[in-house]
């Protein structure tokens, strides 16, 4: 059934009862270099949707929560729901979402200050997890960011511990204290526990219980003081991975180091290793895969330039390697945006040049062809089916239906 027809029919579920405390999705499990769900092979393919918990791109209506210092606001539920419907339209199975896991250091964060919990921040995160589960979209959540971004990161924990550092001090050796200082590590673990043990108001499941969140990533693009040094100590990766598994034994753990640090490959508690591609680089991709496969682990291409603005190799050649490599668990392009819903006349823009606006009538023929290529790849990875590049992209209604029941159709 085409997604637009399916979603319109599914809208009737709005008034239907649902089991508030029953997980709708089964956990994703790893066996060596492969992932599966209920014994069947499974691939993690979809977009990065970094703004699902907290956004920097929309000025909200007067009176709505807003942090002008960081241009931060909570995305509307309509925007979040449309994003999940779009993942399904693309043939995706998951989304990687930074601000569902990284939320520290500003007034709208889960942790606006050390150990202070802002329950209001969980509303959009809860809704994203809830609607993702109903749409059959699993979520990968990084837990901290390498950078001093609006939604938080390792610099918050450093400043809370008395290190007067900002993103401008990225080469200062003191930033390694994030990984080695026992007080900071303990604070970070306290934050993780706040997040993972939180109970979702919309389905009554803790994040640890809800298989919609299939994995946590130790961080986003973690490095040391030198760009690209991969200096994220193996002892820290193992300690955080063990801690996450202790709280949520059914979750996979991704190593959030920016690149494949081969000293990490023997860490038993880490399931998946990843790299990011700006530009697309098939030589690096093949080298990465070989290293991870040799350790009997799973590889994931966590971000990549789908537009081609960075140069590099073709997206077709990148996809071919991914599709033919059994140790690759999937990939996620950077990045997805939709309408400024509940208004459906405009799309949200982001300035980095990698924004994918699905079904935007102003998309160029080139952009549409790239979206068709992405969908062809996702469908092949998630179902094994070959679809034509000229197949009409399914329409996602705006506003997209809120779902109370899960279905695997798209």
Protein backbone atom coordinates (compact mmCIF):
# COMPACT_ATOMS: atom_id res chain seq x y z
CA UNK A 1 0.00 0.00 0.00
CA UNK A 2 1.37 3.44 -0.82
CA UNK A 3 2.35 5.40 2.25
CA UNK A 4 -0.05 8.28 1.61
CA UNK A 5 -3.05 5.94 1.44
CA UNK A 6 -1.82 3.90 4.40
CA UNK A 7 -1.34 6.94 6.59
CA UNK A 8 -4.75 8.35 5.81
CA UNK A 9 -6.33 5.03 6.72
CA UNK A 10 -4.20 4.76 9.84
CA UNK A 11 -5.44 8.11 11.07
CA UNK A 12 -8.55 6.28 12.23
CA UNK A 13 -6.45 4.76 14.98
CA UNK A 14 -6.39 8.12 16.76
CA UNK A 15 -9.39 7.25 18.88
CA UNK A 16 -8.46 3.61 19.34
CA UNK A 17 -7.27 2.17 22.65
CA UNK A 18 -3.68 0.99 22.88
CA UNK A 19 -1.64 -0.97 25.38
CA UNK A 20 0.23 1.77 27.19
CA UNK A 21 2.87 -0.45 28.76
CA UNK A 22 3.56 -2.96 25.97
CA UNK A 23 6.63 -2.63 23.75
CA UNK A 24 5.51 -2.73 20.12
CA UNK A 25 8.90 -3.53 18.62
CA UNK A 26 11.28 -6.38 19.37
CA UNK A 27 14.89 -5.70 20.34
CA UNK A 28 17.62 -5.62 17.71
CA UNK A 29 20.27 -8.22 18.47
CA UNK A 30 23.79 -8.78 17.18
CA UNK A 31 25.35 -12.07 16.21
CA UNK A 32 28.93 -11.44 15.15
CA UNK A 33 28.88 -9.03 12.21
CA UNK A 34 25.13 -9.15 11.60
CA UNK A 35 22.02 -7.62 13.14
CA UNK A 36 18.64 -9.28 13.45
CA UNK A 37 15.12 -8.83 14.81
CA UNK A 38 13.23 -11.92 15.96
CA UNK A 39 15.82 -14.05 14.16
CA UNK A 40 15.43 -12.29 10.79
CA UNK A 41 18.23 -10.16 9.29
CA UNK A 42 17.77 -6.44 9.92
CA UNK A 43 19.52 -3.34 8.56
CA UNK A 44 19.63 0.11 10.16
CA UNK A 45 18.97 2.59 7.34
CA UNK A 46 17.52 6.07 7.58
CA UNK A 47 18.34 9.73 8.11
CA UNK A 48 20.03 11.76 10.77
CA UNK A 49 17.30 13.91 12.36
CA UNK A 50 19.34 15.72 14.94
CA UNK A 51 16.64 18.23 16.00
CA UNK A 52 13.91 15.90 17.31
CA UNK A 53 14.46 16.80 20.97
CA UNK A 54 15.61 20.40 20.67
CA UNK A 55 15.90 22.59 17.58
CA UNK A 56 17.95 25.63 16.54
CA UNK A 57 16.23 26.43 13.24
CA UNK A 58 12.76 27.74 14.16
CA UNK A 59 11.72 30.75 16.23
CA UNK A 60 8.64 29.52 18.12
CA UNK A 61 5.42 31.53 18.61
CA UNK A 62 5.44 34.13 21.35
CA UNK A 63 5.07 32.55 24.77
CA UNK A 64 6.51 29.17 23.75
CA UNK A 65 9.71 28.01 25.48
CA UNK A 66 12.71 29.64 23.82
CA UNK A 67 16.38 30.07 24.66
CA UNK A 68 17.51 33.13 22.66
CA UNK A 69 21.15 32.68 23.64
CA UNK A 70 21.23 29.41 21.67
CA UNK A 71 18.26 30.03 19.36
CA UNK A 72 16.86 26.83 20.87
CA UNK A 73 13.22 25.73 21.04
CA UNK A 74 11.27 22.51 21.27
CA UNK A 75 10.10 21.17 17.91
CA UNK A 76 6.35 20.78 17.52
CA UNK A 77 4.76 17.38 17.77
CA UNK A 78 3.54 17.82 14.19
CA UNK A 79 7.11 18.22 12.94
CA UNK A 80 8.22 15.15 14.85
CA UNK A 81 5.38 12.99 13.58
CA UNK A 82 5.95 14.08 9.98
CA UNK A 83 9.60 13.10 10.32
CA UNK A 84 8.66 9.56 11.32
CA UNK A 85 6.22 9.27 8.42
CA UNK A 86 8.96 10.46 6.07
CA UNK A 87 11.41 7.82 7.30
CA UNK A 88 8.81 5.20 6.38
CA UNK A 89 8.21 6.80 2.97
CA UNK A 90 11.94 6.56 2.27
CA UNK A 91 11.98 2.86 3.14
CA UNK A 92 13.98 3.56 6.28
CA UNK A 93 14.04 1.49 9.44
CA UNK A 94 15.65 3.93 11.87
CA UNK A 95 16.82 7.46 12.59
CA UNK A 96 19.91 8.76 14.32
CA UNK A 97 18.88 11.64 16.59
CA UNK A 98 21.44 13.63 18.56
CA UNK A 99 19.10 15.77 20.69
CA UNK A 100 17.11 12.78 21.91
CA UNK A 101 20.22 11.78 23.84
CA UNK A 102 22.40 14.90 24.08
CA UNK A 103 20.53 17.49 26.15
CA UNK A 104 22.71 19.42 28.60
CA UNK A 105 23.69 22.92 29.57
CA UNK A 106 20.94 25.27 28.44
CA UNK A 107 17.59 26.19 30.04
CA UNK A 108 15.60 23.83 27.77
CA UNK A 109 17.87 20.81 28.30
CA UNK A 110 17.14 17.62 30.21
CA UNK A 111 20.06 18.69 32.43
CA UNK A 112 20.21 22.51 32.33
CA UNK A 113 22.77 22.31 35.10
CA UNK A 114 24.70 19.57 36.84
CA UNK A 115 22.26 17.05 38.30
CA UNK A 116 19.22 19.30 37.70
CA UNK A 117 16.45 17.53 35.77
CA UNK A 118 14.11 19.57 33.59
CA UNK A 119 11.06 17.33 33.09
CA UNK A 120 9.64 19.66 30.44
CA UNK A 121 12.49 18.71 28.12
CA UNK A 122 11.27 15.12 28.06
CA UNK A 123 7.95 16.00 26.43
CA UNK A 124 9.29 16.24 22.88
CA UNK A 125 11.73 13.36 23.45
CA UNK A 126 8.91 11.18 24.77
CA UNK A 127 6.74 12.09 21.79
CA UNK A 128 9.51 11.28 19.33
CA UNK A 129 10.11 7.87 20.89
CA UNK A 130 6.37 7.21 21.07
CA UNK A 131 5.64 8.10 17.44
CA UNK A 132 8.78 6.36 16.20
CA UNK A 133 7.57 3.16 17.82
CA UNK A 134 4.12 3.50 16.27
CA UNK A 135 5.60 4.08 12.83
CA UNK A 136 7.99 1.15 13.25
CA UNK A 137 11.06 3.40 13.21
CA UNK A 138 13.86 2.53 15.61
CA UNK A 139 16.12 5.17 17.14
CA UNK A 140 19.87 5.52 17.66
CA UNK A 141 20.73 8.10 20.34
CA UNK A 142 24.21 9.58 20.86
CA UNK A 143 24.81 10.39 24.52
CA UNK A 144 27.22 13.34 24.32
CA UNK A 145 28.67 15.60 21.64
CA UNK A 146 32.30 16.33 20.90
CA UNK A 147 31.45 19.98 20.27
CA UNK A 148 30.13 22.93 22.26
CA UNK A 149 26.76 22.96 20.53
CA UNK A 150 23.41 24.49 21.52
CA UNK A 151 22.07 21.14 22.70
CA UNK A 152 25.08 20.33 24.86
CA UNK A 153 28.15 18.16 24.91
CA UNK A 154 31.34 17.30 26.73
CA UNK A 155 32.20 20.96 27.39
CA UNK A 156 29.21 21.23 29.75
CA UNK A 157 30.63 18.48 31.93
CA UNK A 158 34.09 20.05 31.81
CA UNK A 159 32.77 23.47 32.89
CA UNK A 160 30.64 21.94 35.63
CA UNK A 161 33.83 20.37 36.99
CA UNK A 162 35.66 23.72 37.01
CA UNK A 163 37.50 23.60 33.68
CA UNK A 164 36.90 26.96 32.00
CA UNK A 165 36.80 25.63 28.44
CA UNK A 166 34.67 26.27 25.37
CA UNK A 167 34.67 24.94 21.84
CA UNK A 168 37.31 27.55 21.03
CA UNK A 169 39.67 25.61 23.29
CA UNK A 170 39.31 22.36 21.35
CA UNK A 171 43.09 21.80 21.21
CA UNK A 172 43.61 22.30 24.94
CA UNK A 173 44.92 19.06 26.51
CA UNK A 174 42.57 19.64 29.45
CA UNK A 175 39.60 18.51 27.34
CA UNK A 176 40.85 14.95 27.87
CA UNK A 177 39.64 15.37 31.46
CA UNK A 178 36.19 14.52 30.10
CA UNK A 179 37.41 10.96 29.62
CA UNK A 180 39.86 10.61 32.50
CA UNK A 181 38.57 12.70 35.41
CA UNK A 182 36.69 10.39 37.78
CA UNK A 183 34.31 13.13 38.94
CA UNK A 184 33.37 14.05 35.35
CA UNK A 185 32.93 10.41 34.33
CA UNK A 186 30.66 9.88 37.34
CA UNK A 187 28.59 12.95 36.40
CA UNK A 188 28.25 11.74 32.83
CA UNK A 189 27.08 8.35 34.07
CA UNK A 190 24.53 10.08 36.31
CA UNK A 191 23.23 11.91 33.24
CA UNK A 192 23.00 8.66 31.27
CA UNK A 193 21.03 7.09 34.12
CA UNK A 194 18.61 10.06 34.15
CA UNK A 195 17.97 9.49 30.46
CA UNK A 196 17.85 5.70 30.22
CA UNK A 197 15.66 5.17 33.31
CA UNK A 198 13.16 7.90 32.35
CA UNK A 199 9.59 6.60 31.92
CA UNK A 200 7.82 7.80 28.78
CA UNK A 201 4.53 9.54 29.57
CA UNK A 202 2.98 8.39 26.28
CA UNK A 203 3.59 4.64 26.49
CA UNK A 204 4.54 4.08 30.15
CA UNK A 205 7.82 2.37 29.20
CA UNK A 206 11.24 3.40 30.44
CA UNK A 207 13.71 4.12 27.69
CA UNK A 208 15.60 1.04 28.86
CA UNK A 209 12.48 -1.10 28.30
CA UNK A 210 11.42 0.39 24.98
CA UNK A 211 12.94 -1.45 22.01
CA UNK A 212 12.13 1.56 19.81
CA UNK A 213 15.48 2.86 21.07
CA UNK A 214 17.59 0.08 19.62
CA UNK A 215 20.99 1.53 20.49
CA UNK A 216 22.91 4.19 22.35
CA UNK A 217 26.08 5.73 20.92
CA UNK A 218 28.78 6.73 23.38
CA UNK A 219 28.93 10.11 21.63
CA UNK A 220 28.97 12.04 18.39
CA UNK A 221 32.33 12.39 16.60
CA UNK A 222 34.35 12.02 19.77
CA UNK A 223 38.00 13.00 19.50
CA UNK A 224 40.80 14.28 21.69
CA UNK A 225 42.64 17.62 21.43
CA UNK A 226 43.81 17.07 17.84
CA UNK A 227 41.22 16.88 15.09
CA UNK A 228 40.93 13.35 13.79
CA UNK A 229 43.16 11.84 16.47
CA UNK A 230 40.49 9.33 17.58
CA UNK A 231 41.85 9.90 21.08
CA UNK A 232 38.85 8.60 22.94
CA UNK A 233 40.42 6.23 25.49
CA UNK A 234 39.42 2.59 25.19
CA UNK A 235 39.03 2.36 28.97
CA UNK A 236 36.42 5.14 28.88
CA UNK A 237 34.53 3.55 25.95
CA UNK A 238 34.41 0.25 27.81
CA UNK A 239 33.29 1.85 31.08
CA UNK A 240 30.45 3.76 29.40
CA UNK A 241 29.41 0.76 27.31
CA UNK A 242 29.33 -1.45 30.41
CA UNK A 243 27.29 1.15 32.25
CA UNK A 244 24.71 1.43 29.44
CA UNK A 245 24.43 -2.35 29.17
CA UNK A 246 23.95 -2.56 32.93
CA UNK A 247 21.00 -0.17 32.76
CA UNK A 248 19.59 -1.50 29.47
CA UNK A 249 20.85 -5.00 28.68
CA UNK A 250 18.85 -5.27 25.45
CA UNK A 251 20.36 -2.17 23.83
CA UNK A 252 23.19 -2.22 21.34
CA UNK A 253 26.12 0.12 22.01
CA UNK A 254 27.83 2.09 19.23
CA UNK A 255 31.35 3.43 19.66
CA UNK A 256 30.97 7.19 19.14
CA UNK A 257 34.64 7.78 18.32
CA UNK A 258 35.03 9.73 15.06
CA UNK A 259 36.61 6.97 13.00
CA UNK A 260 37.68 3.42 13.63
CA UNK A 261 40.13 3.26 16.53
CA UNK A 262 41.37 -0.30 16.23
CA UNK A 263 42.33 -0.40 19.92
CA UNK A 264 38.57 -0.33 20.63
CA UNK A 265 37.63 -3.33 18.50
CA UNK A 266 38.21 -5.84 21.30
CA UNK A 267 35.80 -4.13 23.71
CA UNK A 268 33.23 -6.83 24.37
CA UNK A 269 30.38 -4.47 25.25
CA UNK A 270 30.61 -2.49 21.99
CA UNK A 271 28.51 -3.89 19.16
CA UNK A 272 28.88 -1.39 16.34
CA UNK A 273 31.63 0.91 15.04
CA UNK A 274 31.09 3.80 12.66
CA UNK A 275 32.59 6.60 10.64
CA UNK A 276 31.31 9.75 8.87
CA UNK A 277 31.92 10.73 5.26
CA UNK A 278 32.46 14.32 4.12
CA UNK A 279 33.18 13.64 1.29
CA UNK A 280 32.06 10.13 0.40
CA UNK A 281 35.26 8.05 0.32
CA UNK A 282 34.92 4.44 -0.82
CA UNK A 283 38.56 3.62 -0.02
CA UNK A 284 38.09 4.65 3.59
CA UNK A 285 34.76 2.84 3.69
CA UNK A 286 36.31 -0.43 2.54
CA UNK A 287 39.19 -0.10 5.00
CA UNK A 288 36.76 0.59 7.84
CA UNK A 289 34.60 -2.39 6.98
CA UNK A 290 37.57 -4.74 6.76
CA UNK A 291 38.84 -3.68 10.19
CA UNK A 292 35.46 -4.08 11.89
CA UNK A 293 34.60 -7.34 10.15
CA UNK A 294 37.94 -8.82 11.22
CA UNK A 295 36.85 -8.20 14.82
CA UNK A 296 33.49 -9.93 14.17
CA UNK A 297 31.60 -6.71 14.87
CA UNK A 298 29.13 -4.58 12.89
CA UNK A 299 29.97 -1.49 10.83
CA UNK A 300 27.69 1.54 10.34
CA UNK A 301 28.15 4.60 8.14
CA UNK A 302 26.76 7.11 10.61
CA UNK A 303 26.74 10.27 8.45
CA UNK A 304 27.47 11.08 4.83
CA UNK A 305 27.08 13.79 2.22
CA UNK A 306 24.13 12.65 0.09
CA UNK A 307 24.21 15.83 -2.00
CA UNK A 308 27.74 15.47 -3.39
CA UNK A 309 28.78 19.01 -2.49
CA UNK A 310 31.96 17.77 -0.78
CA UNK A 311 33.18 16.02 -3.90
CA UNK A 312 34.55 12.52 -3.45
CA UNK A 313 33.25 9.26 -4.86
CA UNK A 314 29.77 8.69 -6.22
CA UNK A 315 26.89 7.87 -3.93
CA UNK A 316 26.10 4.87 -6.17
CA UNK A 317 29.55 3.36 -5.56
CA UNK A 318 29.25 4.05 -1.83
CA UNK A 319 25.88 2.29 -1.70
CA UNK A 320 27.12 -0.67 -3.74
CA UNK A 321 29.86 -1.41 -1.23
CA UNK A 322 27.43 -1.10 1.67
CA UNK A 323 24.86 -3.36 0.01
CA UNK A 324 27.41 -6.05 -0.82
CA UNK A 325 29.20 -6.11 2.55
CA UNK A 326 27.59 -8.47 5.09
CA UNK A 327 29.33 -6.76 8.02
CA UNK A 328 27.66 -3.41 7.29
CA UNK A 329 24.67 -2.92 9.55
CA UNK A 330 23.42 0.14 7.69
CA UNK A 331 23.89 3.85 7.08
CA UNK A 332 22.29 7.23 7.81
CA UNK A 333 22.50 10.29 5.57
CA UNK A 334 22.85 13.85 6.89
CA UNK A 335 20.14 15.20 7.37
CA UNK A 336 16.32 15.30 7.21
CA UNK A 337 14.00 18.30 7.67
CA UNK A 338 10.31 18.73 6.91
CA UNK A 339 7.52 21.27 6.98
CA UNK A 340 7.33 23.94 9.65
CA UNK A 341 4.30 22.06 10.92
CA UNK A 342 1.56 22.49 11.95
CA UNK A 343 1.89 24.95 9.09
CA UNK A 344 2.27 23.03 5.84
CA UNK A 345 3.13 25.85 3.44
CA UNK A 346 6.83 26.21 4.29
CA UNK A 347 9.76 23.91 4.97
CA UNK A 348 12.35 24.31 7.71
CA UNK A 349 15.76 25.27 6.35
CA UNK A 350 19.18 24.46 7.74
CA UNK A 351 22.24 26.24 6.44
CA UNK A 352 24.84 23.47 6.06
CA UNK A 353 23.92 22.48 2.49
CA UNK A 354 22.99 18.89 3.33
CA UNK A 355 19.30 19.41 4.14
CA UNK A 356 16.89 16.90 2.59
CA UNK A 357 13.33 18.24 2.37
CA UNK A 358 11.15 15.36 1.27
CA UNK A 359 8.31 16.14 -1.14
CA UNK A 360 9.32 19.80 -1.40
CA UNK A 361 7.84 20.99 -4.72
CA UNK A 362 10.79 23.36 -5.10
CA UNK A 363 13.35 20.53 -5.15
CA UNK A 364 15.43 20.52 -8.32
CA UNK A 365 15.42 17.53 -10.66
CA UNK A 366 18.90 16.69 -9.35
CA UNK A 367 17.76 16.75 -5.71
CA UNK A 368 14.75 14.57 -6.51
CA UNK A 369 16.99 12.07 -8.31
CA UNK A 370 19.23 11.84 -5.23
CA UNK A 371 16.22 11.27 -2.98
CA UNK A 372 15.04 8.53 -5.34
CA UNK A 373 18.49 6.94 -5.13
CA UNK A 374 18.39 7.04 -1.33
CA UNK A 375 14.96 5.42 -1.30
CA UNK A 376 16.06 2.72 -3.75
CA UNK A 377 19.01 1.93 -1.48
CA UNK A 378 16.97 1.93 1.74
CA UNK A 379 14.30 -0.36 0.30
CA UNK A 380 16.94 -2.79 -0.95
CA UNK A 381 18.68 -2.80 2.42
CA UNK A 382 15.50 -3.14 4.47
CA UNK A 383 13.50 -5.56 2.30
CA UNK A 384 15.85 -6.98 -0.32
CA UNK A 385 13.55 -5.64 -3.05
CA UNK A 386 14.76 -3.78 -6.13
CA UNK A 387 12.72 -0.73 -7.05
CA UNK A 388 13.10 1.55 -10.05
CA UNK A 389 14.83 4.90 -9.68
CA UNK A 390 11.90 6.38 -11.58
CA UNK A 391 9.31 5.10 -9.11
CA UNK A 392 7.16 7.97 -7.85
CA UNK A 393 8.08 9.03 -4.34
CA UNK A 394 5.19 8.31 -1.94
CA UNK A 395 3.40 11.37 -0.62
CA UNK A 396 3.60 12.11 3.10
CA UNK A 397 0.52 14.07 4.21
CA UNK A 398 1.04 17.29 6.16
CA UNK A 399 0.16 17.17 8.93
CA UNK A 400 1.02 13.49 9.14
CA UNK A 401 -1.35 11.24 11.10
CA UNK A 402 -0.60 10.57 14.74
CA UNK A 403 -0.48 6.80 15.14
CA UNK A 404 -1.59 4.84 18.18
CA UNK A 405 -0.93 1.44 16.63
CA UNK A 406 2.17 0.16 14.92
CA UNK A 407 2.24 -1.32 11.44
CA UNK A 408 5.12 -2.60 9.34
CA UNK A 409 3.58 -1.39 6.05
CA UNK A 410 4.88 1.53 4.04
